[in-house]
Amino acid sequence: MGTFISLAVILVVIFLVTIILVQVKGEAGNLFGGGGTSFRTRRGVEKTLFQLTIGLAVIFVTLAIVNILYT
């Protein structure tokens, strides 16, 4: 059981990092504060990636806690 949870944590982390990097790449250099600060509504793919990021973060935290409890 512990091996499965550890593998699941690794897979979720890979997906989470990939999605975050895709979002940062789409922001045209705002990673280090470059560019103007304009507030706008997320739409389409950007909104889906944002929601997926939140979902994967919740799954990661849950799996990490379960991994600690069962290890």
PDB file of N, CA and C in Angstrom:
ATOM      1  N   MET A   1       0.825  -1.195   0.000  1.00  0.00           N
ATOM      2  CA  MET A   1       0.000   0.000   0.000  1.00  0.00           C
ATOM      3  C   MET A   1       0.870   1.261   0.000  1.00  0.00           C
ATOM      4  N   GLY A   2       1.946   1.240   0.789  1.00  0.00           N
ATOM      5  CA  GLY A   2       2.830   2.394   0.869  1.00  0.00           C
ATOM      6  C   GLY A   2       3.511   2.698  -0.451  1.00  0.00           C
ATOM      7  N   THR A   3       3.869   1.651  -1.195  1.00  0.00           N
ATOM      8  CA  THR A   3       4.516   1.849  -2.495  1.00  0.00           C
ATOM      9  C   THR A   3       3.550   2.496  -3.475  1.00  0.00           C
ATOM     10  N   PHE A   4       2.304   2.069  -3.459  1.00  0.00           N
ATOM     11  CA  PHE A   4       1.295   2.649  -4.351  1.00  0.00           C
ATOM     12  C   PHE A   4       1.078   4.128  -4.051  1.00  0.00           C
ATOM     13  N   ILE A   5       0.994   4.469  -2.781  1.00  0.00           N
ATOM     14  CA  ILE A   5       0.776   5.866  -2.395  1.00  0.00           C
ATOM     15  C   ILE A   5       1.982   6.721  -2.787  1.00  0.00           C
ATOM     16  N   SER A   6       3.175   6.196  -2.566  1.00  0.00           N
ATOM     17  CA  SER A   6       4.376   6.939  -2.948  1.00  0.00           C
ATOM     18  C   SER A   6       4.430   7.161  -4.455  1.00  0.00           C
ATOM     19  N   LEU A   7       4.088   6.155  -5.223  1.00  0.00           N
ATOM     20  CA  LEU A   7       4.056   6.287  -6.679  1.00  0.00           C
ATOM     21  C   LEU A   7       3.000   7.304  -7.109  1.00  0.00           C
ATOM     22  N   ALA A   8       1.849   7.283  -6.448  1.00  0.00           N
ATOM     23  CA  ALA A   8       0.791   8.243  -6.767  1.00  0.00           C
ATOM     24  C   ALA A   8       1.237   9.668  -6.454  1.00  0.00           C
ATOM     25  N   VAL A   9       1.950   9.861  -5.346  1.00  0.00           N
ATOM     26  CA  VAL A   9       2.453  11.186  -4.987  1.00  0.00           C
ATOM     27  C   VAL A   9       3.425  11.677  -6.048  1.00  0.00           C
ATOM     28  N   ILE A  10       4.316  10.811  -6.504  1.00  0.00           N
ATOM     29  CA  ILE A  10       5.290  11.191  -7.531  1.00  0.00           C
ATOM     30  C   ILE A  10       4.587  11.587  -8.825  1.00  0.00           C
ATOM     31  N   LEU A  11       3.593  10.817  -9.240  1.00  0.00           N
ATOM     32  CA  LEU A  11       2.862  11.140 -10.475  1.00  0.00           C
ATOM     33  C   LEU A  11       2.108  12.465 -10.361  1.00  0.00           C
ATOM     34  N   VAL A  12       1.471  12.689  -9.221  1.00  0.00           N
ATOM     35  CA  VAL A  12       0.735  13.944  -9.020  1.00  0.00           C
ATOM     36  C   VAL A  12       1.695  15.132  -9.029  1.00  0.00           C
ATOM     37  N   VAL A  13       2.860  14.977  -8.417  1.00  0.00           N
ATOM     38  CA  VAL A  13       3.853  16.058  -8.398  1.00  0.00           C
ATOM     39  C   VAL A  13       4.329  16.369  -9.817  1.00  0.00           C
ATOM     40  N   ILE A  14       4.577  15.341 -10.625  1.00  0.00           N
ATOM     41  CA  ILE A  14       5.008  15.564 -12.006  1.00  0.00           C
ATOM     42  C   ILE A  14       3.942  16.336 -12.782  1.00  0.00           C
ATOM     43  N   PHE A  15       2.686  15.918 -12.657  1.00  0.00           N
ATOM     44  CA  PHE A  15       1.595  16.624 -13.343  1.00  0.00           C
ATOM     45  C   PHE A  15       1.450  18.050 -12.834  1.00  0.00           C
ATOM     46  N   LEU A  16       1.568  18.241 -11.535  1.00  0.00           N
ATOM     47  CA  LEU A  16       1.410  19.563 -10.935  1.00  0.00           C
ATOM     48  C   LEU A  16       2.506  20.510 -11.410  1.00  0.00           C
ATOM     49  N   VAL A  17       3.740  20.070 -11.407  1.00  0.00           N
ATOM     50  CA  VAL A  17       4.851  20.909 -11.869  1.00  0.00           C
ATOM     51  C   VAL A  17       4.682  21.245 -13.345  1.00  0.00           C
ATOM     52  N   THR A  18       4.276  20.267 -14.139  1.00  0.00           N
ATOM     53  CA  THR A  18       4.081  20.500 -15.575  1.00  0.00           C
ATOM     54  C   THR A  18       3.009  21.551 -15.819  1.00  0.00           C
ATOM     55  N   ILE A  19       1.895  21.446 -15.137  1.00  0.00           N
ATOM     56  CA  ILE A  19       0.802  22.400 -15.338  1.00  0.00           C
ATOM     57  C   ILE A  19       1.200  23.791 -14.866  1.00  0.00           C
ATOM     58  N   ILE A  20       1.925  23.874 -13.761  1.00  0.00           N
ATOM     59  CA  ILE A  20       2.377  25.189 -13.289  1.00  0.00           C
ATOM     60  C   ILE A  20       3.336  25.811 -14.287  1.00  0.00           C
ATOM     61  N   LEU A  21       4.252  25.021 -14.848  1.00  0.00           N
ATOM     62  CA  LEU A  21       5.182  25.555 -15.838  1.00  0.00           C
ATOM     63  C   LEU A  21       4.474  26.003 -17.110  1.00  0.00           C
ATOM     64  N   VAL A  22       3.435  25.303 -17.512  1.00  0.00           N
ATOM     65  CA  VAL A  22       2.657  25.713 -18.692  1.00  0.00           C
ATOM     66  C   VAL A  22       1.981  27.055 -18.425  1.00  0.00           C
ATOM     67  N   GLN A  23       1.465  27.243 -17.223  1.00  0.00           N
ATOM     68  CA  GLN A  23       0.816  28.508 -16.884  1.00  0.00           C
ATOM     69  C   GLN A  23       1.814  29.653 -16.844  1.00  0.00           C
ATOM     70  N   VAL A  24       2.982  29.434 -16.265  1.00  0.00           N
ATOM     71  CA  VAL A  24       3.996  30.480 -16.174  1.00  0.00           C
ATOM     72  C   VAL A  24       4.493  30.841 -17.562  1.00  0.00           C
ATOM     73  N   LYS A  25       4.664  29.856 -18.423  1.00  0.00           N
ATOM     74  CA  LYS A  25       5.120  30.101 -19.781  1.00  0.00           C
ATOM     75  C   LYS A  25       4.109  30.966 -20.535  1.00  0.00           C
ATOM     76  N   GLY A  26       2.843  30.783 -20.265  1.00  0.00           N
ATOM     77  CA  GLY A  26       1.801  31.565 -20.917  1.00  0.00           C
ATOM     78  C   GLY A  26       1.673  32.977 -20.382  1.00  0.00           C
ATOM     79  N   GLU A  27       2.324  33.283 -19.271  1.00  0.00           N
ATOM     80  CA  GLU A  27       2.210  34.599 -18.651  1.00  0.00           C
ATOM     81  C   GLU A  27       3.221  35.599 -19.205  1.00  0.00           C
ATOM     82  N   ALA A  28       4.033  35.216 -20.151  1.00  0.00           N
ATOM     83  CA  ALA A  28       4.991  36.096 -20.825  1.00  0.00           C
ATOM     84  C   ALA A  28       5.974  36.739 -19.860  1.00  0.00           C
ATOM     85  N   GLY A  29       6.584  35.920 -19.029  1.00  0.00           N
ATOM     86  CA  GLY A  29       7.667  36.414 -18.189  1.00  0.00           C
ATOM     87  C   GLY A  29       7.260  36.997 -16.857  1.00  0.00           C
ATOM     88  N   ASN A  30       6.071  36.748 -16.386  1.00  0.00           N
ATOM     89  CA  ASN A  30       5.646  37.285 -15.092  1.00  0.00           C
ATOM     90  C   ASN A  30       6.164  36.464 -13.924  1.00  0.00           C
ATOM     91  N   LEU A  31       7.017  35.484 -14.192  1.00  0.00           N
ATOM     92  CA  LEU A  31       7.534  34.628 -13.129  1.00  0.00           C
ATOM     93  C   LEU A  31       8.323  35.435 -12.112  1.00  0.00           C
ATOM     94  N   PHE A  32       9.112  36.404 -12.556  1.00  0.00           N
ATOM     95  CA  PHE A  32       9.938  37.199 -11.657  1.00  0.00           C
ATOM     96  C   PHE A  32       9.459  38.633 -11.564  1.00  0.00           C
ATOM     97  N   GLY A  33       8.199  38.879 -11.818  1.00  0.00           N
ATOM     98  CA  GLY A  33       7.640  40.209 -11.651  1.00  0.00           C
ATOM     99  C   GLY A  33       7.716  41.080 -12.885  1.00  0.00           C
ATOM    100  N   GLY A  34       8.166  40.548 -13.993  1.00  0.00           N
ATOM    101  CA  GLY A  34       8.220  41.346 -15.208  1.00  0.00           C
ATOM    102  C   GLY A  34       6.838  41.540 -15.788  1.00  0.00           C
ATOM    103  N   GLY A  35       6.600  42.669 -16.382  1.00  0.00           N
ATOM    104  CA  GLY A  35       5.298  42.927 -16.985  1.00  0.00           C
ATOM    105  C   GLY A  35       4.374  43.663 -16.049  1.00  0.00           C
ATOM    106  N   GLY A  36       3.321  44.182 -16.612  1.00  0.00           N
ATOM    107  CA  GLY A  36       2.367  44.957 -15.825  1.00  0.00           C
ATOM    108  C   GLY A  36       1.458  44.066 -15.021  1.00  0.00           C
ATOM    109  N   THR A  37       0.866  44.654 -14.002  1.00  0.00           N
ATOM    110  CA  THR A  37      -0.077  43.903 -13.183  1.00  0.00           C
ATOM    111  C   THR A  37      -1.484  44.306 -13.586  1.00  0.00           C
ATOM    112  N   SER A  38      -2.098  43.491 -14.373  1.00  0.00           N
ATOM    113  CA  SER A  38      -3.473  43.750 -14.778  1.00  0.00           C
ATOM    114  C   SER A  38      -4.334  42.584 -14.318  1.00  0.00           C
ATOM    115  N   PHE A  39      -5.471  42.899 -13.793  1.00  0.00           N
ATOM    116  CA  PHE A  39      -6.385  41.873 -13.316  1.00  0.00           C
ATOM    117  C   PHE A  39      -7.428  41.624 -14.387  1.00  0.00           C
ATOM    118  N   ARG A  40      -7.603  40.355 -14.714  1.00  0.00           N
ATOM    119  CA  ARG A  40      -8.595  40.008 -15.723  1.00  0.00           C
ATOM    120  C   ARG A  40      -9.200  38.654 -15.379  1.00  0.00           C
ATOM    121  N   THR A  41     -10.281  38.335 -16.018  1.00  0.00           N
ATOM    122  CA  THR A  41     -10.973  37.082 -15.769  1.00  0.00           C
ATOM    123  C   THR A  41     -10.326  35.965 -16.566  1.00  0.00           C
ATOM    124  N   ARG A  42     -10.151  34.816 -15.895  1.00  0.00           N
ATOM    125  CA  ARG A  42      -9.620  33.650 -16.601  1.00  0.00           C
ATOM    126  C   ARG A  42     -10.732  33.046 -17.441  1.00  0.00           C
ATOM    127  N   ARG A  43     -10.381  32.660 -18.668  1.00  0.00           N
ATOM    128  CA  ARG A  43     -11.369  32.054 -19.557  1.00  0.00           C
ATOM    129  C   ARG A  43     -10.750  30.890 -20.305  1.00  0.00           C
ATOM    130  N   GLY A  44     -11.587  29.961 -20.715  1.00  0.00           N
ATOM    131  CA  GLY A  44     -11.166  28.871 -21.577  1.00  0.00           C
ATOM    132  C   GLY A  44     -10.130  27.964 -20.950  1.00  0.00           C
ATOM    133  N   VAL A  45      -9.055  27.729 -21.710  1.00  0.00           N
ATOM    134  CA  VAL A  45      -8.006  26.810 -21.280  1.00  0.00           C
ATOM    135  C   VAL A  45      -7.308  27.320 -20.022  1.00  0.00           C
ATOM    136  N   GLU A  46      -7.125  28.617 -19.913  1.00  0.00           N
ATOM    137  CA  GLU A  46      -6.470  29.194 -18.741  1.00  0.00           C
ATOM    138  C   GLU A  46      -7.265  28.888 -17.469  1.00  0.00           C
ATOM    139  N   LYS A  47      -8.577  28.982 -17.541  1.00  0.00           N
ATOM    140  CA  LYS A  47      -9.431  28.689 -16.389  1.00  0.00           C
ATOM    141  C   LYS A  47      -9.365  27.198 -16.044  1.00  0.00           C
ATOM    142  N   THR A  48      -9.371  26.356 -17.073  1.00  0.00           N
ATOM    143  CA  THR A  48      -9.297  24.914 -16.855  1.00  0.00           C
ATOM    144  C   THR A  48      -7.976  24.532 -16.205  1.00  0.00           C
ATOM    145  N   LEU A  49      -6.861  25.101 -16.676  1.00  0.00           N
ATOM    146  CA  LEU A  49      -5.560  24.816 -16.086  1.00  0.00           C
ATOM    147  C   LEU A  49      -5.493  25.298 -14.636  1.00  0.00           C
ATOM    148  N   PHE A  50      -6.086  26.445 -14.365  1.00  0.00           N
ATOM    149  CA  PHE A  50      -6.119  26.987 -13.001  1.00  0.00           C
ATOM    150  C   PHE A  50      -6.882  26.052 -12.071  1.00  0.00           C
ATOM    151  N   GLN A  51      -8.047  25.585 -12.501  1.00  0.00           N
ATOM    152  CA  GLN A  51      -8.849  24.682 -11.680  1.00  0.00           C
ATOM    153  C   GLN A  51      -8.168  23.331 -11.510  1.00  0.00           C
ATOM    154  N   LEU A  52      -7.504  22.864 -12.568  1.00  0.00           N
ATOM    155  CA  LEU A  52      -6.768  21.603 -12.492  1.00  0.00           C
ATOM    156  C   LEU A  52      -5.597  21.711 -11.520  1.00  0.00           C
ATOM    157  N   THR A  53      -4.955  22.866 -11.491  1.00  0.00           N
ATOM    158  CA  THR A  53      -3.858  23.096 -10.558  1.00  0.00           C
ATOM    159  C   THR A  53      -4.354  23.009  -9.116  1.00  0.00           C
ATOM    160  N   ILE A  54      -5.489  23.627  -8.841  1.00  0.00           N
ATOM    161  CA  ILE A  54      -6.062  23.573  -7.491  1.00  0.00           C
ATOM    162  C   ILE A  54      -6.423  22.133  -7.125  1.00  0.00           C
ATOM    163  N   GLY A  55      -7.044  21.427  -8.043  1.00  0.00           N
ATOM    164  CA  GLY A  55      -7.416  20.038  -7.789  1.00  0.00           C
ATOM    165  C   GLY A  55      -6.211  19.148  -7.524  1.00  0.00           C
ATOM    166  N   LEU A  56      -5.165  19.300  -8.333  1.00  0.00           N
ATOM    167  CA  LEU A  56      -3.963  18.499  -8.134  1.00  0.00           C
ATOM    168  C   LEU A  56      -3.261  18.856  -6.826  1.00  0.00           C
ATOM    169  N   ALA A  57      -3.303  20.114  -6.436  1.00  0.00           N
ATOM    170  CA  ALA A  57      -2.697  20.515  -5.169  1.00  0.00           C
ATOM    171  C   ALA A  57      -3.431  19.872  -3.993  1.00  0.00           C
ATOM    172  N   VAL A  58      -4.747  19.828  -4.062  1.00  0.00           N
ATOM    173  CA  VAL A  58      -5.542  19.191  -3.002  1.00  0.00           C
ATOM    174  C   VAL A  58      -5.243  17.690  -2.955  1.00  0.00           C
ATOM    175  N   ILE A  59      -5.178  17.059  -4.126  1.00  0.00           N
ATOM    176  CA  ILE A  59      -4.862  15.629  -4.178  1.00  0.00           C
ATOM    177  C   ILE A  59      -3.468  15.365  -3.622  1.00  0.00           C
ATOM    178  N   PHE A  60      -2.505  16.238  -3.957  1.00  0.00           N
ATOM    179  CA  PHE A  60      -1.145  16.074  -3.460  1.00  0.00           C
ATOM    180  C   PHE A  60      -1.092  16.151  -1.939  1.00  0.00           C
ATOM    181  N   VAL A  61      -1.739  17.144  -1.370  1.00  0.00           N
ATOM    182  CA  VAL A  61      -1.723  17.301   0.086  1.00  0.00           C
ATOM    183  C   VAL A  61      -2.389  16.097   0.750  1.00  0.00           C
ATOM    184  N   THR A  62      -3.503  15.646   0.195  1.00  0.00           N
ATOM    185  CA  THR A  62      -4.203  14.485   0.751  1.00  0.00           C
ATOM    186  C   THR A  62      -3.329  13.238   0.697  1.00  0.00           C
ATOM    187  N   LEU A  63      -2.712  12.993  -0.457  1.00  0.00           N
ATOM    188  CA  LEU A  63      -1.846  11.821  -0.589  1.00  0.00           C
ATOM    189  C   LEU A  63      -0.625  11.915   0.322  1.00  0.00           C
ATOM    190  N   ALA A  64      -0.082  13.110   0.491  1.00  0.00           N
ATOM    191  CA  ALA A  64       1.076  13.278   1.365  1.00  0.00           C
ATOM    192  C   ALA A  64       0.713  12.956   2.811  1.00  0.00           C
ATOM    193  N   ILE A  65      -0.454  13.393   3.243  1.00  0.00           N
ATOM    194  CA  ILE A  65      -0.898  13.096   4.609  1.00  0.00           C
ATOM    195  C   ILE A  65      -1.143  11.602   4.782  1.00  0.00           C
ATOM    196  N   VAL A  66      -1.804  10.986   3.797  1.00  0.00           N
ATOM    197  CA  VAL A  66      -2.048   9.535   3.851  1.00  0.00           C
ATOM    198  C   VAL A  66      -0.723   8.778   3.854  1.00  0.00           C
ATOM    199  N   ASN A  67       0.227   9.248   3.061  1.00  0.00           N
ATOM    200  CA  ASN A  67       1.534   8.605   3.010  1.00  0.00           C
ATOM    201  C   ASN A  67       2.247   8.667   4.360  1.00  0.00           C
ATOM    202  N   ILE A  68       2.130   9.785   5.031  1.00  0.00           N
ATOM    203  CA  ILE A  68       2.747   9.919   6.357  1.00  0.00           C
ATOM    204  C   ILE A  68       2.055   8.997   7.365  1.00  0.00           C
ATOM    205  N   LEU A  69       0.745   8.878   7.290  1.00  0.00           N
ATOM    206  CA  LEU A  69       0.011   8.053   8.251  1.00  0.00           C
ATOM    207  C   LEU A  69       0.279   6.564   8.062  1.00  0.00           C
ATOM    208  N   TYR A  70       0.480   6.117   6.823  1.00  0.00           N
ATOM    209  CA  TYR A  70       0.663   4.698   6.546  1.00  0.00           C
ATOM    210  C   TYR A  70       2.111   4.276   6.441  1.00  0.00           C
ATOM    211  N   THR A  71       3.036   5.199   6.646  1.00  0.00           N
ATOM    212  CA  THR A  71       4.448   4.822   6.531  1.00  0.00           C
ATOM    213  C   THR A  71       5.075   4.664   7.879  1.00  0.00           C
TER     214      THR A  71
END
